[in-house]
């Protein structure tokens, strides 16, 4: 059984330069949902890697990152309601590393 967990990561970064760095970093860890919001399926090791990388990029007194654990990825069916623009749900698929 996979130990991956599902996360929603959202951030508020005060510097446009740091925001771009965080955005590029997050693209390596999850799927972009909308501005400053990502959905991630991460093993414990990958979550720790993501957290360490984000801590290197942000300024603690100015920026804010929320990592919301929504449960085991294999047992979590993320339900998203979209109001306004059309939203395409992220399809689960195997990842070969």
Protein backbone atom coordinates (compact mmCIF):
# COMPACT_ATOMS: atom_id res chain seq x y z
CA UNK A 1 0.00 0.00 0.00
CA UNK A 2 1.29 3.44 -0.92
CA UNK A 3 2.19 5.84 1.85
CA UNK A 4 1.37 8.86 -0.32
CA UNK A 5 -0.88 11.49 1.18
CA UNK A 6 -2.92 14.15 -0.59
CA UNK A 7 -2.17 17.80 0.20
CA UNK A 8 -3.44 21.20 -0.80
CA UNK A 9 -0.64 23.77 -0.72
CA UNK A 10 -1.47 27.45 -0.91
CA UNK A 11 0.79 30.43 -0.43
CA UNK A 12 0.88 34.20 -0.10
CA UNK A 13 4.30 35.53 -1.07
CA UNK A 14 5.02 39.27 -0.75
CA UNK A 15 7.80 39.50 -3.35
CA UNK A 16 7.03 38.80 -7.04
CA UNK A 17 10.52 37.30 -7.45
CA UNK A 18 10.07 34.89 -4.53
CA UNK A 19 6.50 34.11 -5.71
CA UNK A 20 7.90 32.96 -9.08
CA UNK A 21 10.53 30.82 -7.31
CA UNK A 22 7.88 29.21 -5.10
CA UNK A 23 5.60 28.62 -8.11
CA UNK A 24 8.40 26.94 -10.09
CA UNK A 25 9.32 24.82 -7.07
CA UNK A 26 5.74 23.72 -6.49
CA UNK A 27 5.36 22.62 -10.12
CA UNK A 28 7.92 19.94 -9.26
CA UNK A 29 5.79 18.64 -6.38
CA UNK A 30 2.18 18.86 -7.54
CA UNK A 31 -0.50 19.95 -9.93
CA UNK A 32 -1.33 23.63 -10.28
CA UNK A 33 -5.01 24.28 -9.50
CA UNK A 34 -5.06 28.08 -9.66
CA UNK A 35 -2.98 31.07 -8.68
CA UNK A 36 -0.93 30.10 -5.59
CA UNK A 37 -2.78 26.79 -5.05
CA UNK A 38 -1.42 23.29 -5.76
CA UNK A 39 -2.74 19.78 -5.21
CA UNK A 40 0.01 17.29 -4.33
CA UNK A 41 0.33 13.55 -3.79
CA UNK A 42 3.49 13.07 -1.76
CA UNK A 43 5.32 10.39 0.13
CA UNK A 44 6.63 11.41 3.54
CA UNK A 45 10.09 11.88 2.05
CA UNK A 46 8.82 14.13 -0.78
CA UNK A 47 6.76 16.21 1.66
CA UNK A 48 9.86 16.80 3.78
CA UNK A 49 11.81 17.75 0.62
CA UNK A 50 9.07 20.18 -0.40
CA UNK A 51 8.95 21.76 3.06
CA UNK A 52 12.74 22.17 3.17
CA UNK A 53 12.82 23.78 -0.27
CA UNK A 54 9.97 26.17 0.61
CA UNK A 55 11.69 27.17 3.87
CA UNK A 56 14.79 28.08 1.82
CA UNK A 57 12.75 30.31 -0.51
CA UNK A 58 10.36 32.24 1.71
CA UNK A 59 10.89 35.02 4.24
CA UNK A 60 9.23 33.89 7.46
CA UNK A 61 8.08 37.33 8.58
CA UNK A 62 6.69 38.33 5.17
CA UNK A 63 5.43 35.19 3.43
CA UNK A 64 2.92 32.50 4.33
CA UNK A 65 2.56 28.90 3.09
CA UNK A 66 -0.24 26.54 4.14
CA UNK A 67 0.15 22.78 3.66
CA UNK A 68 -3.21 21.10 4.22
CA UNK A 69 -3.10 17.30 4.67
CA UNK A 70 -6.35 15.84 3.35
CA UNK A 71 -5.54 12.17 3.94
CA UNK A 72 -4.16 9.05 2.33
CA UNK A 73 -3.97 9.64 -1.42
CA UNK A 74 -5.26 6.16 -2.27
CA UNK A 75 -8.36 6.66 -0.11
CA UNK A 76 -8.98 10.36 -0.75
CA UNK A 77 -11.18 11.49 -3.57
CA UNK A 78 -10.68 15.23 -3.71
CA UNK A 79 -13.97 16.95 -4.52
CA UNK A 80 -13.60 20.44 -5.92
CA UNK A 81 -16.46 22.82 -6.62
CA UNK A 82 -15.74 25.62 -9.04
CA UNK A 83 -17.71 28.84 -9.23
CA UNK A 84 -16.92 31.03 -12.20
CA UNK A 85 -14.30 29.73 -14.60
CA UNK A 86 -14.36 26.14 -15.79
CA UNK A 87 -12.29 23.78 -13.66
CA UNK A 88 -10.77 20.54 -14.96
CA UNK A 89 -10.26 17.93 -12.23
CA UNK A 90 -6.83 16.35 -11.95
CA UNK A 91 -6.95 12.75 -13.08
CA UNK A 92 -5.18 10.13 -11.03
CA UNK A 93 -2.52 8.31 -12.98
CA UNK A 94 0.55 6.27 -12.16
CA UNK A 95 3.88 8.08 -11.98
CA UNK A 96 7.03 6.23 -13.01
CA UNK A 97 10.16 7.46 -11.25
